[in-house]
Every structure is written in C-alpha cells, then in structure tokens.
Protein backbone atom coordinates (compact mmCIF):
# COMPACT_ATOMS: atom_id res chain seq x y z
CA MET A 1 95.71 36.81 106.37
CA ILE A 2 96.58 37.22 110.07
CA ARG A 3 93.36 37.14 112.14
CA VAL A 4 93.59 39.28 115.29
CA LEU A 5 91.46 39.47 118.46
CA LEU A 6 91.65 42.76 120.41
CA ILE A 7 90.92 42.81 124.16
CA ASP A 8 90.99 46.15 126.00
CA ASP A 9 88.48 47.89 128.25
CA HIS A 10 89.07 51.30 126.65
CA PRO A 11 87.00 51.76 123.45
CA VAL A 12 89.28 54.54 122.17
CA VAL A 13 92.30 52.27 122.51
CA ARG A 14 90.60 49.40 120.69
CA THR A 15 89.46 51.72 117.91
CA GLY A 16 93.01 53.02 117.51
CA TYR A 17 94.44 49.50 117.42
CA LYS A 18 91.87 48.37 114.87
CA ARG A 19 92.41 51.34 112.59
CA LEU A 20 96.17 50.85 112.75
CA LEU A 21 96.05 47.12 112.03
CA LEU A 22 93.56 47.41 109.19
CA GLN A 23 95.87 49.82 107.38
CA GLU A 24 98.37 46.98 107.01
CA PRO A 25 97.73 44.49 104.18
CA GLY A 26 97.36 40.96 105.46
CA LEU A 27 95.92 41.87 108.87
CA GLU A 28 92.29 41.39 109.86
CA VAL A 29 90.55 42.17 113.19
CA VAL A 30 88.06 39.33 113.65
CA ALA A 31 86.66 40.38 117.05
CA GLU A 32 86.95 42.83 119.93
CA ALA A 33 86.25 42.43 123.66
CA THR A 34 86.03 44.82 126.59
CA ASN A 35 87.18 42.48 129.36
CA ALA A 36 88.85 39.13 129.95
CA ASP A 37 85.63 37.11 130.19
CA GLU A 38 84.36 38.48 126.87
CA GLY A 39 87.84 38.02 125.45
CA TYR A 40 87.96 34.34 126.34
CA GLN A 41 84.52 33.76 124.81
CA ALA A 42 85.65 35.57 121.64
CA PHE A 43 88.83 33.51 121.56
CA GLN A 44 86.88 30.24 121.72
CA LEU A 45 84.50 31.42 119.02
CA HIS A 46 87.01 32.82 116.53
CA LEU A 47 90.30 31.03 117.39
CA PRO A 48 92.37 34.01 116.18
CA ASP A 49 95.94 33.75 114.93
CA VAL A 50 97.07 36.43 117.40
CA THR A 51 95.34 37.74 120.53
CA VAL A 52 96.27 41.25 121.71
CA THR A 53 95.30 41.87 125.32
CA ASP A 54 95.78 44.43 128.05
CA VAL A 55 96.92 43.30 131.51
CA SER A 56 94.83 45.46 133.81
CA MET A 57 91.09 45.24 133.15
CA PRO A 58 87.97 45.13 135.32
CA GLY A 59 87.44 41.65 136.72
CA MET A 60 89.82 38.90 135.64
CA GLY A 61 93.13 40.36 134.49
CA GLY A 62 95.09 39.75 131.33
CA LEU A 63 97.53 37.28 132.87
CA SER A 64 94.75 35.01 134.08
CA LEU A 65 93.16 35.30 130.64
CA LEU A 66 96.49 34.34 129.07
CA GLN A 67 96.60 31.25 131.26
CA LYS A 68 93.06 30.24 130.27
CA ILE A 69 93.77 30.75 126.58
CA LEU A 70 96.89 28.58 126.72
CA GLN A 71 94.98 25.89 128.60
CA ARG A 72 92.43 25.96 125.78
CA GLN A 73 95.06 26.04 123.01
CA ALA A 74 98.66 25.40 124.01
CA ASP A 75 100.14 26.98 120.87
CA ALA A 76 97.99 30.13 120.97
CA LYS A 77 99.91 33.33 120.23
CA VAL A 78 99.21 36.12 122.71
CA LEU A 79 100.66 39.63 122.64
CA VAL A 80 100.37 41.78 125.77
CA CYS A 81 99.93 45.51 125.20
CA SER A 82 99.92 47.59 128.38
CA MET A 83 100.70 51.00 129.81
CA TYR A 84 102.35 49.16 132.70
CA ASP A 85 105.75 48.10 131.42
CA SER A 86 107.90 47.51 134.49
CA PRO A 87 110.61 44.86 134.06
CA GLN A 88 108.87 42.65 136.62
CA LEU A 89 105.55 42.74 134.76
CA VAL A 90 107.17 42.18 131.36
CA GLN A 91 108.99 39.13 132.73
CA ARG A 92 105.83 37.79 134.38
CA ALA A 93 103.90 38.09 131.12
CA LEU A 94 106.62 36.23 129.21
CA ASP A 95 106.90 33.58 131.91
CA SER A 96 103.12 33.13 131.73
CA GLY A 97 103.36 32.31 128.03
CA ALA A 98 102.98 35.62 126.20
CA GLN A 99 104.94 35.75 122.94
CA GLY A 100 105.46 39.49 123.12
CA PHE A 101 104.97 42.67 125.11
CA VAL A 102 104.28 46.12 123.65
CA SER A 103 104.19 49.23 125.78
CA LYS A 104 101.31 51.61 125.11
CA ASN A 105 103.96 54.33 125.20
CA ALA A 106 105.61 52.83 122.10
CA GLU A 107 105.26 54.15 118.57
CA PRO A 108 101.98 52.91 116.98
CA GLU A 109 103.82 51.03 114.23
CA GLU A 110 105.34 48.76 116.88
CA LEU A 111 101.99 47.04 117.35
CA VAL A 112 101.92 46.01 113.69
CA ARG A 113 105.50 44.73 113.84
CA ALA A 114 104.74 42.86 117.06
CA VAL A 115 101.66 41.13 115.65
CA GLN A 116 103.58 40.06 112.55
CA ALA A 117 106.53 38.80 114.60
CA VAL A 118 104.42 36.88 117.08
CA TYR A 119 102.44 35.31 114.24
CA ILE A 120 105.56 33.69 112.78
CA GLY A 121 106.70 32.48 116.19
CA GLN A 122 109.17 35.20 117.15
CA GLN A 123 109.25 36.86 120.56
CA TYR A 124 108.75 40.62 120.44
CA LEU A 125 109.48 43.31 123.03
CA SER A 126 108.89 47.02 122.49
CA HIS A 127 111.98 49.08 121.88
CA GLY A 128 113.50 49.98 125.24
CA LEU A 129 111.75 47.30 127.24
CA HIS A 130 113.88 44.91 129.23
CA THR A 131 113.41 42.37 131.98
CA GLU A 132 116.42 43.22 134.10
CA ILE A 133 115.71 43.64 137.80
CA SER A 134 116.75 46.92 139.44
CA SER A 135 118.98 47.11 142.50
CA GLY A 136 118.15 47.79 146.13
CA GLU A 137 114.85 47.54 147.97
CA PHE A 138 112.85 47.92 144.74
CA ALA A 139 114.57 44.81 143.44
CA LEU A 140 113.65 42.87 146.58
CA GLU A 141 110.03 43.96 146.20
CA SER A 142 110.09 42.91 142.53
CA GLN A 143 111.41 39.49 143.46
CA ARG A 144 108.71 39.05 146.08
CA ILE A 145 105.98 39.98 143.60
CA ALA A 146 107.52 37.62 141.05
CA SER A 147 107.26 34.80 143.60
CA LEU A 148 103.44 35.05 143.59
CA SER A 149 101.55 32.41 141.65
CA THR A 150 99.25 33.60 138.87
CA ARG A 151 96.22 33.23 141.15
CA GLU A 152 97.96 35.09 143.98
CA TYR A 153 99.00 37.85 141.58
CA GLU A 154 95.42 38.29 140.37
CA ILE A 155 94.10 38.43 143.95
CA PHE A 156 96.88 40.90 144.82
CA ARG A 157 95.81 43.11 141.91
CA LEU A 158 92.11 42.92 142.74
CA LEU A 159 92.68 43.65 146.43
CA ALA A 160 94.87 46.63 145.51
CA LEU A 161 92.04 47.93 143.32
CA GLY A 162 89.79 47.90 146.39
CA HIS A 163 87.80 44.71 145.82
CA THR A 164 86.56 42.81 148.85
CA ILE A 165 87.35 39.14 149.45
CA SER A 166 83.82 38.23 148.33
CA GLU A 167 84.20 40.25 145.12
CA CYS A 168 87.55 38.60 144.38
CA ALA A 169 85.96 35.18 144.87
CA GLU A 170 83.14 36.05 142.48
CA VAL A 171 85.45 37.44 139.79
CA LEU A 172 87.86 34.48 139.91
CA PHE A 173 85.20 31.78 140.43
CA ILE A 174 86.81 30.48 143.61
CA SER A 175 85.62 30.20 147.21
CA HIS A 176 85.68 32.95 149.81
CA LYS A 177 87.94 30.74 151.95
CA THR A 178 90.43 30.28 149.08
CA VAL A 179 90.71 34.04 148.60
CA SER A 180 91.10 34.61 152.33
CA ASN A 181 93.87 32.00 152.56
CA ASN A 182 95.59 33.47 149.52
CA GLN A 183 95.37 36.95 150.97
CA THR A 184 97.26 35.77 154.05
CA GLN A 185 99.89 34.07 151.88
CA ILE A 186 100.24 37.16 149.69
CA LYS A 187 100.89 39.41 152.69
CA GLU A 188 103.47 36.97 154.00
CA LYS A 189 105.26 36.66 150.66
CA LEU A 190 105.28 40.42 150.13
CA HIS A 191 106.22 41.22 153.74
CA LEU A 192 103.14 43.39 154.22
CA GLU A 193 101.05 44.02 157.32
CA THR A 194 98.32 46.37 156.12
CA MET A 195 96.10 46.82 153.06
CA THR A 196 97.40 50.35 152.69
CA ALA A 197 100.93 49.00 152.29
CA LEU A 198 99.60 46.48 149.76
CA VAL A 199 98.03 49.25 147.66
CA HIS A 200 101.18 51.37 147.77
CA LEU A 201 103.31 48.41 146.71
CA ALA A 202 100.96 47.68 143.80
CA GLN A 203 101.13 51.30 142.67
CA ARG A 204 104.90 51.48 143.02
CA HIS A 205 105.36 48.44 140.77
CA GLN A 206 102.67 49.44 138.25
CA VAL A 207 100.38 46.56 139.12
CA ILE A 208 97.62 49.15 139.33
CA GLU A 209 97.40 52.77 138.27
CA VAL A 210 98.22 55.52 140.72
CA VAL A 211 94.99 57.39 141.43
CA GLY A 212 95.09 60.89 140.00
CA SER A 213 97.97 60.15 137.64
C-alpha cells in the first residue's frame, strides 16, 4: 500500500486528488494539509511514502517545504503538482530534490502514474513538460531567477504577492534584517529597480498568478 500525503490550499483540488487516488488499488491517502506548515507537521506525524504538494501556497511555499522535508528525511519522495509549469520552475523543483512534477493541466490519470513512479524511485514529468530554457531576454530572466537560492526565491515570491518585509520575516522565521538584505540581493541578481518590475517578472515567469487571469 502506497501511503500518500496531499498538500494544497484549494479544498476542491485536494478532494479531486483524493478521489482519484482512492480509485486505484494500492493507494491510500493518509493525511491532507492546506498549507506548508500543516503539511510539514503531517509529514512528521505520518511519514508518508509519497508527498504530493503544490508550489504556490499562502505562507511558506512548496519549495521551502520540500527542503524541510528532505532535511527531516533525506530519502523522502516528493511529487510537485502545480498549475505553474514553466521550464524554469520545473527545473528548480527537480534541483531542490523533487522526484517528479505534474502539471495541473495534465490528464487526471497522470497523477496516479506519477505517484506510482515516484514511489519506486523513478523520476516523473507530466507529458509535454520539459526543462529546456527558451531563447532571448526571457531566457536571461529565467537564468537570473534560477540563480536565486531557495530562501531568496521564497522571499521573491512572497514580495511579489504583496507581503511586507515584516510579513516575510514572520512567515519564514527569519529576522527583518535578513529579509531586507535578501531583498537587496534579489533585486541585484534579477536586475530590478522597483517592486512593480519585481511583480511583473514574477507573473511573467509564473512564480505567482496573474491577477484577473
């Protein structure tokens, strides 16, 4: 029996995942969580065979959660399932230790195949996903984003979502000064001068959702 933990802030999505997985013999959903903090607590409590997590959630994001899980259990199997499936994000998730990446635009059955593949140690990418970098200015932007550390990436995401420096510090359990210093480094690495430019870059590369889309 493959024991699965589901982490997603959308109840409808979690319900759909659970219903889909439970239809497959040999799969069991042992716990659900609505955000990364709850997800990490559930992981420690249940030690699932496979953890399925979104990337973009309120508070700590899925990549930081992935890092915490792997610090807790180096051989943990984590599958990222996200509506954001840009090559840069897929590569970042894999580089961070994810065993697979499934786009929420994929056929539902792909989630079952991905969980089964990840469980036996295989890497799984949704059909059509790739990690090739595009050409031109978009490629340069992708490379700059890829150069961010995991902490910098999380701060970048939170700032783009409109969080203040104090709120970022609270969410990530770090000091106000650390966030402020990271913000400066992020702008330098990404060649940005304003917060508006930061938000537009995050939207363009699917780090956050475009408002109204």
